[in-house]
Each structure stands twice: as C-alpha cells, then as structure tokens.
Protein backbone atom coordinates (compact mmCIF):
# COMPACT_ATOMS: atom_id res chain seq x y z
CA MET A 1 89.07 107.66 80.28
CA PRO A 2 86.37 110.37 80.20
CA LEU A 3 83.49 110.32 82.68
CA TYR A 4 79.97 111.52 81.96
CA GLN A 5 77.16 112.74 84.15
CA LEU A 6 73.77 111.30 83.24
CA THR A 7 70.84 113.70 83.12
CA SER A 8 67.28 113.06 82.04
CA SER A 9 68.04 114.38 78.57
CA SER A 10 71.77 114.13 77.93
CA LEU A 11 75.25 112.97 78.86
CA VAL A 12 77.46 115.74 80.20
CA ARG A 13 81.17 115.12 80.00
CA LEU A 14 82.93 115.97 83.26
CA SER A 15 85.95 118.24 83.19
CA ASN A 16 89.34 116.64 83.81
CA THR A 17 91.43 118.24 86.49
CA SER A 18 94.57 117.33 88.41
CA PHE A 19 95.73 117.08 91.99
CA GLN A 20 98.10 119.98 91.39
CA ASP A 21 95.39 122.21 89.90
CA GLU A 22 93.15 121.47 92.87
CA ASN A 23 95.97 122.12 95.35
CA LEU A 24 95.71 118.59 96.71
CA ARG A 25 98.93 117.45 98.34
CA GLU A 26 100.42 114.01 98.10
CA ARG A 27 100.74 113.03 101.74
CA GLN A 28 98.39 115.39 103.55
CA ASP A 29 95.47 114.80 101.15
CA LEU A 30 95.86 111.83 98.81
CA GLN A 31 97.66 109.54 101.24
CA ARG A 32 95.50 110.57 104.18
CA LEU A 33 92.29 109.75 102.32
CA LEU A 34 93.45 106.52 100.71
CA LYS A 35 94.84 104.99 103.90
CA GLN A 36 91.33 105.27 105.36
CA ASN A 37 89.76 103.82 102.21
CA ILE A 38 92.48 101.52 100.92
CA SER A 39 89.97 99.22 99.20
CA VAL A 40 89.62 101.93 96.54
CA ILE A 41 92.99 100.87 95.11
CA SER A 42 93.60 97.54 96.87
CA PRO A 43 90.63 95.42 98.03
CA ASP A 44 91.06 92.96 100.90
CA THR A 45 94.06 94.84 102.25
CA LEU A 46 94.88 96.11 105.74
CA VAL A 47 97.20 99.09 106.17
CA ILE A 48 99.67 98.41 109.00
CA ALA A 49 102.07 101.36 108.64
CA GLU A 50 102.33 104.83 107.14
CA GLU A 51 105.63 106.44 106.18
CA PHE A 52 107.32 103.20 107.23
CA GLY A 53 111.08 103.73 107.55
CA ASP A 54 112.54 101.12 109.92
CA PHE A 55 115.56 100.61 107.67
CA ALA A 56 119.23 100.60 108.58
CA ASP A 57 121.47 102.96 106.61
CA SER A 58 118.49 104.52 104.82
CA ASN A 59 116.16 107.43 105.36
CA ARG A 60 113.67 106.14 102.80
CA ARG A 61 110.02 105.76 103.76
CA ILE A 62 107.22 103.64 102.28
CA ASP A 63 104.05 105.67 101.78
CA LEU A 64 101.79 102.86 103.00
CA LEU A 65 102.69 99.33 104.08
CA ALA A 66 99.88 96.81 104.15
CA VAL A 67 99.03 93.10 104.41
CA ASP A 68 96.61 91.22 102.17
CA LYS A 69 94.35 88.27 102.95
CA ASP A 70 97.06 85.83 101.85
CA ALA A 71 99.45 87.29 104.48
CA ASN A 72 101.59 88.91 101.79
CA LEU A 73 103.16 92.28 102.48
CA VAL A 74 101.94 95.06 100.19
CA VAL A 75 104.10 98.08 99.40
CA ILE A 76 101.90 100.99 98.27
CA GLU A 77 103.46 104.02 96.61
CA LEU A 78 101.43 107.12 95.74
CA LYS A 79 102.17 109.97 93.34
CA ARG A 80 99.91 112.85 92.43
CA THR A 81 101.90 113.56 89.24
CA GLY A 82 100.77 112.66 85.75
CA ASP A 83 103.73 110.44 84.86
CA GLY A 84 104.52 108.52 88.05
CA GLY A 85 108.13 109.69 88.19
CA HIS A 86 110.41 106.74 89.02
CA MET A 87 108.01 105.16 91.48
CA GLU A 88 108.39 101.60 90.15
CA LEU A 89 112.13 101.59 90.92
CA GLN A 90 111.52 103.12 94.32
CA ALA A 91 108.84 100.53 95.16
CA ILE A 92 111.05 97.60 94.11
CA ARG A 93 113.76 98.90 96.41
CA TYR A 94 111.26 99.11 99.27
CA ALA A 95 109.88 95.63 98.56
CA SER A 96 113.36 94.14 98.87
CA MET A 97 113.93 96.03 102.11
CA VAL A 98 110.79 94.64 103.81
CA ALA A 99 111.01 91.15 102.32
CA ASN A 100 112.41 89.68 105.56
CA MET A 101 109.91 91.37 107.86
CA THR A 102 108.86 89.04 110.67
CA TRP A 103 105.45 88.65 112.26
CA ASP A 104 106.60 90.39 115.45
CA HIS A 105 107.96 93.36 113.54
CA ALA A 106 104.72 93.66 111.55
CA VAL A 107 102.71 93.66 114.78
CA PHE A 108 105.05 96.28 116.25
CA ALA A 109 104.65 98.51 113.17
CA TYR A 110 100.87 98.06 113.20
CA ARG A 111 100.69 98.93 116.89
CA ARG A 112 102.50 102.21 116.24
CA TYR A 113 100.18 102.94 113.31
CA LEU A 114 97.06 102.35 115.43
CA GLU A 115 98.38 104.53 118.24
CA ALA A 116 99.31 107.34 115.84
CA ASN A 117 95.79 107.30 114.42
CA GLY A 118 94.08 107.16 117.81
CA THR A 119 92.61 103.70 117.23
CA GLU A 120 92.12 101.62 120.35
CA LEU A 121 92.61 98.14 118.94
CA ASP A 122 94.99 95.37 119.94
CA ALA A 123 97.40 95.17 117.01
CA GLU A 124 98.07 91.44 117.06
CA SER A 125 94.44 90.44 117.63
CA SER A 126 93.28 92.76 114.86
CA LEU A 127 95.86 91.41 112.43
CA LEU A 128 95.00 87.80 113.30
CA GLU A 129 91.31 88.52 112.79
CA PHE A 130 91.97 90.11 109.40
CA LEU A 131 93.96 87.06 108.25
CA GLY A 132 91.48 84.59 109.75
CA TRP A 133 94.18 82.99 111.91
CA ASP A 134 93.76 81.62 115.42
CA ARG A 135 97.43 82.19 116.23
CA PRO A 136 100.51 83.64 114.52
CA GLN A 137 101.90 81.55 111.65
CA GLU A 138 105.43 82.84 111.20
CA ASP A 139 106.25 80.46 108.34
CA ASN A 140 103.21 81.59 106.35
CA PHE A 141 103.61 85.32 106.95
CA GLY A 142 105.20 87.61 104.38
CA GLN A 143 106.12 84.88 101.90
CA ASN A 144 105.67 87.36 99.06
CA VAL A 145 105.73 91.13 98.65
CA ARG A 146 103.24 92.75 96.31
CA ILE A 147 103.57 96.28 94.95
CA ILE A 148 100.78 98.72 94.20
CA LEU A 149 101.52 101.95 92.35
CA ALA A 150 98.81 104.62 92.32
CA ALA A 151 99.32 107.87 90.42
CA GLY A 152 97.58 110.48 88.33
CA ASP A 153 98.97 108.67 85.30
CA PHE A 154 101.97 106.62 84.23
CA SER A 155 104.65 107.20 81.63
CA LYS A 156 105.32 104.57 78.98
CA GLU A 157 108.67 103.92 80.65
CA ILE A 158 106.90 102.85 83.84
CA THR A 159 104.22 100.71 82.19
CA THR A 160 106.80 98.99 79.97
CA SER A 161 108.98 98.25 83.00
CA VAL A 162 106.06 96.95 85.06
CA LEU A 163 104.81 94.64 82.31
CA TRP A 164 108.31 93.22 81.86
CA LEU A 165 108.79 92.73 85.60
CA ASN A 166 105.41 91.04 86.00
CA GLU A 167 106.35 88.57 83.28
CA ARG A 168 109.26 87.63 85.53
CA ASP A 169 107.01 86.84 88.48
CA LEU A 170 106.94 90.15 90.31
CA ASP A 171 103.47 91.24 91.40
CA ILE A 172 103.00 94.92 90.56
CA THR A 173 99.66 96.64 90.08
CA CYS A 174 99.24 100.09 88.53
CA VAL A 175 96.15 102.11 89.44
CA ARG A 176 95.48 105.35 87.56
CA LEU A 177 93.81 108.03 89.69
CA GLY A 178 91.67 110.25 87.49
CA LEU A 179 90.35 113.46 89.04
CA TYR A 180 87.23 115.19 87.69
CA ARG A 181 85.21 118.23 88.62
CA SER A 182 81.43 118.51 88.59
CA GLY A 183 80.45 121.95 89.83
CA GLU A 184 81.71 122.16 93.40
CA GLN A 185 82.35 118.43 93.65
CA LEU A 186 85.57 116.57 93.00
CA LEU A 187 85.27 113.00 91.75
CA LEU A 188 87.98 110.34 91.85
CA ASN A 189 88.15 107.46 89.41
CA ALA A 190 90.54 104.66 90.44
CA GLU A 191 91.21 102.55 87.35
CA GLN A 192 93.46 99.49 87.44
CA ILE A 193 95.42 99.49 84.20
CA ILE A 194 98.05 96.82 84.98
CA PRO A 195 97.20 94.03 85.03
CA LEU A 196 93.92 94.53 83.17
CA PRO A 197 91.26 93.10 85.51
CA GLU A 198 89.43 91.26 82.73
CA ALA A 199 92.69 89.60 81.63
CA GLU A 200 93.97 88.55 85.05
CA GLY A 201 92.83 84.93 84.72
CA TYR A 202 94.66 84.53 81.45
CA GLN A 203 97.75 86.28 82.78
CA VAL A 204 97.94 83.99 85.82
CA GLU A 205 97.78 80.97 83.51
CA VAL A 206 100.54 82.32 81.28
CA ARG A 207 102.69 83.26 84.27
CA GLN A 208 102.37 79.77 85.72
CA LYS A 209 103.41 78.23 82.41
CA ARG A 210 106.47 80.45 82.14
CA ARG A 211 107.39 79.71 85.74
CA GLU A 212 107.28 75.97 85.06
CA GLU A 213 109.35 76.38 81.91
CA ARG A 214 112.04 78.30 83.79
CA GLY A 215 111.95 75.79 86.62
CA SER A 216 112.52 72.89 84.23
CA ARG A 217 115.55 74.64 82.75
CA ALA A 218 117.24 75.50 86.05
CA SER A 219 116.19 74.58 89.55
CA THR A 220 118.75 75.96 91.99
CA LYS A 221 116.57 77.35 94.77
CA ASP A 222 117.33 75.76 98.10
CA ARG A 223 114.12 75.07 100.02
CA SER A 224 115.74 73.26 102.92
CA VAL A 225 114.47 73.55 106.47
CA LEU A 226 116.71 73.02 109.48
CA THR A 227 116.45 71.78 113.04
CA LEU A 228 118.93 72.92 115.70
CA SER A 229 119.55 70.91 118.87
CA ILE A 230 121.51 71.46 122.08
CA ASP A 231 122.96 68.24 123.56
CA GLY A 232 120.46 66.24 121.51
CA GLU A 233 117.43 68.24 122.69
CA ILE A 234 115.63 70.21 119.98
CA PHE A 235 116.10 73.94 120.44
CA LYS A 236 114.38 75.12 117.23
CA SER A 237 112.76 72.92 114.59
CA ARG A 238 112.05 73.36 110.87
CA PHE A 239 113.22 76.92 110.31
CA LYS A 240 114.38 78.57 107.09
CA LYS A 241 118.07 78.90 106.29
CA SER A 242 117.78 82.68 106.61
CA ASP A 243 117.19 82.15 110.35
CA ILE A 244 120.18 79.88 110.98
CA GLY A 245 122.30 82.81 112.20
CA ILE A 246 119.91 84.17 114.80
CA ASN A 247 118.90 80.68 116.01
CA THR A 248 122.55 79.68 116.39
CA VAL A 249 123.33 82.78 118.47
CA LEU A 250 120.27 82.22 120.66
CA ALA A 251 121.22 78.56 121.10
CA VAL A 252 124.77 79.52 122.12
CA GLU A 253 123.26 81.84 124.71
CA GLN A 254 120.72 79.23 125.86
CA ALA A 255 123.47 76.62 126.29
CA GLY A 256 125.46 78.97 128.52
CA LEU A 257 128.28 79.22 125.97
CA MET A 258 128.14 82.94 125.36
CA ASN A 259 131.22 84.74 126.58
CA THR A 260 133.66 87.32 125.23
CA GLU A 261 135.62 84.68 123.30
CA SER A 262 132.48 83.20 121.75
CA LEU A 263 131.17 86.62 120.86
CA GLU A 264 134.40 87.55 119.10
CA PHE A 265 134.35 84.25 117.22
CA LEU A 266 130.85 84.93 115.95
CA ARG A 267 131.66 88.51 115.03
CA GLU A 268 135.03 87.97 113.37
CA ASP A 269 134.50 84.72 111.48
CA THR A 270 133.69 86.09 108.00
CA SER A 271 134.38 82.94 105.98
CA CYS A 272 130.72 81.98 106.14
CA ASN A 273 129.33 85.47 105.58
CA PHE A 274 128.03 85.69 109.14
CA ARG A 275 128.21 88.73 111.42
CA LEU A 276 126.89 90.13 114.61
CA LEU A 277 126.30 93.86 114.30
CA LYS A 278 126.28 96.44 117.04
CA ARG A 279 123.92 99.37 117.13
CA GLU A 280 124.04 101.75 114.18
CA ASP A 281 126.48 104.23 115.68
CA GLU A 282 128.98 101.42 116.37
CA VAL A 283 128.88 99.67 112.97
CA THR A 284 132.19 99.91 111.14
CA ASP A 285 132.53 100.62 107.42
CA ASN A 286 133.55 97.01 106.82
CA GLU A 287 130.41 95.76 108.57
CA ARG A 288 128.08 98.28 107.00
CA LYS A 289 127.46 96.21 103.88
CA TYR A 290 125.85 93.55 106.08
CA SER A 291 123.44 95.91 107.80
CA ARG A 292 120.69 95.56 105.21
CA TYR A 293 120.27 91.95 106.25
CA ARG A 294 119.61 92.63 109.91
CA VAL A 295 116.23 93.02 111.51
CA SER A 296 115.24 96.58 112.35
CA GLY A 297 113.92 97.48 115.75
CA GLU A 298 115.19 96.22 119.08
CA PRO A 299 118.48 94.25 119.18
CA GLU A 300 118.05 90.50 118.86
CA ILE A 301 120.59 89.77 121.57
CA VAL A 302 122.16 91.84 124.36
CA TYR A 303 125.51 90.93 125.89
CA GLU A 304 127.11 92.99 128.65
CA GLY A 305 124.78 95.88 127.91
CA VAL A 306 125.51 96.03 124.16
CA GLY A 307 122.77 95.25 121.64
CA TYR A 308 123.54 93.15 118.57
CA TYR A 309 121.76 92.20 115.35
CA VAL A 310 122.37 89.04 113.34
CA ALA A 311 122.99 88.98 109.58
CA ARG A 312 120.45 87.09 107.45
CA ASN A 313 122.32 86.60 104.19
CA TRP A 314 122.37 82.96 103.20
CA GLY A 315 122.72 81.01 99.98
CA ILE A 316 123.20 77.44 98.91
CA GLY A 317 126.97 77.82 98.93
CA ASN A 318 127.62 79.06 102.47
CA ILE A 319 125.26 77.22 104.80
CA ASN A 320 127.22 73.94 105.00
CA GLY A 321 130.45 75.76 105.76
CA PHE A 322 128.70 77.70 108.50
CA ILE A 323 127.34 74.52 110.10
CA ASP A 324 130.78 72.89 110.04
CA ARG A 325 132.48 75.82 111.77
CA MET A 326 129.74 76.29 114.36
CA SER A 327 129.62 72.57 115.19
CA GLU A 328 133.40 72.52 115.62
CA ARG A 329 133.42 75.63 117.83
CA PHE A 330 130.30 74.66 119.82
CA PRO A 331 130.14 70.83 120.03
CA LYS A 332 126.90 70.96 122.01
CA LEU A 333 125.11 72.26 118.91
CA SER A 334 123.95 69.93 116.13
CA TYR A 335 122.05 70.65 112.91
CA ASP A 336 119.73 68.52 110.83
CA ILE A 337 118.75 69.56 107.30
CA GLU A 338 115.62 68.40 105.46
C-alpha cells in the first residue's frame, strides 16, 4: 500500500524501499526495535523472552516469545524478506514446542530476559501486574498459543496456508512491514493483513459456528481433571491429565516410596507411555522420542544426585491403564477422576 506525504499544495508519494536495501539486519535492527515497541505489531502483549531456545533435542530459537492479556503465549517470528520464507511452518513448530510451558518456566524465562536487557524488575511481580492477577493461576496460564508473523511481505503460499489454518482454529496473524524513505528519514508501516481488522468480528462468529459444527460431529477431547491422594490425604487436587506423571512421581517421593526398585519401575514400564528421563547426555536413543514432552530447565526430581524429567504425553486411551498399574505398584496412592 503506497504512502503519501501531505504538503500544503500536493500529495507526494513516498519511495518504497526494503530492509535489505537499507542494510537493516533481521535480529540486530528489526528484532531489537520491535521488542522494545511490540505494540506496533501486537497490542496488549508483553515480551518475556528473546531468541528463546529451551528445547530438548533442538537448536531452534523463537525470535520473540510473549504473553497477551488473556495469559496466552504468543510466538512472534520476524523476517525482513519480501516473501516470508517458510516462517508459518517454523512458527507452528515453535508453538507446539512451547504449548506445555508452565507458569514457573515463563517467569524463569522472563527473569533472564529482564536481566539480559538490564531491567531491574521482579519478573513474577511484573508478569502478574501485566495480567491483572493477584497471584499465579497455573490452570489459566498458557491455555492457548497465538502466532504472529511479521515480514516485509508474504508469498501467496504463506497467506493461503495461514487462512486455511485459521479456519481450523489456529490463531495466526500476519503483519506486513512496509518500509519507506522520505529524504533522510525511514518510515515503517505495520499493516495487519490476516485477519483483516475490519472483518475480525465476522470471522470470530464464523469460527465459532464451525467449531460447534465440528464438536457436534465428533467430541472426543478428554477434559477430565484428577485428584491424587496419599493414604486418603489429598496430595494434589484437580490437575490436568498431562500432569499425572509428574504428580505421581512427586507423590511417590513424598510418601517415602522412592528407591532404586521404584525408580526402575517408573523408568522401564512403557506400557502406559510413561518415562523418567535423565539429563540430555544420558538419554538413550529409545528414550529420545519422549524428550519433547519433558519440561525444559532444571530437573523435576533428583534421586541419588541424578536429575530426571517426567514425560507429559497423555491421551484418552492410556490414562486408565497408567492409574491401574501405579495403584497396584504403590497401594498408598489413589486417584479420583472428574
């Protein structure tokens, strides 16, 4: 879209230019400026990490990771090119990799980001203030992952893919970054092209209708919550099925049942798709496929000086079998499902 400079007697069309022609680099210039002014492409958003790469078995890095006012995670990918490359596929991969991020991990990432940028703020207090929360709400944090793509322009392959994905309930925004020159000044125009801002209300209505239609045809999503008790006393109440592994391990430890035999049982019993994983350099090839389900950062449990992570890969078909085997092996533990 052309831009014009208004004078007292005429409209002067500004000259289009590009990030490459102006020798502006992707990370050192574009990313540096946008992270400090993220509202230009994503209003009501707080950047919590830059070049985020706390992933097992991957050297990939998210340009900017943010949180919005609804406590959703926001993956932001930036390209200075005029076609966007394959950034939509890259961003979807990243979104899946951060989908299980916990509140504590987000605070940890934000603390590192603040320290790296010389900002003397308390990470958790600042994040709570941004969200308008009095205290952390783990169950309400990161329930969805949004994607924002910002580039000099987008190919038809990208826009077609994004429109199709948004129809299937993904939340991807495309922002075109137009660069213009006026004498010695460079001007940036950030234009949201998907979804069209003036059509967003209609698109939300259509999306909701399609979601209801699909839900009426097939409703297989398990929304159960669980409560875990030790000798009849509640250890952890109303948690998601994805947390049954870590809560079971912590309960075994709390009940004084953790020993070498118990540890081997937890690690070797694969019938319920459950594993304990050692640190990265000790993960075997057979275990490696589970590593994408474990939480990055510090080990979740340490036994005899070795750190372990717990797999978080659960579906409707394997949770009952897991409960049966754990209850049989550790009779002190009991599970209730709502």
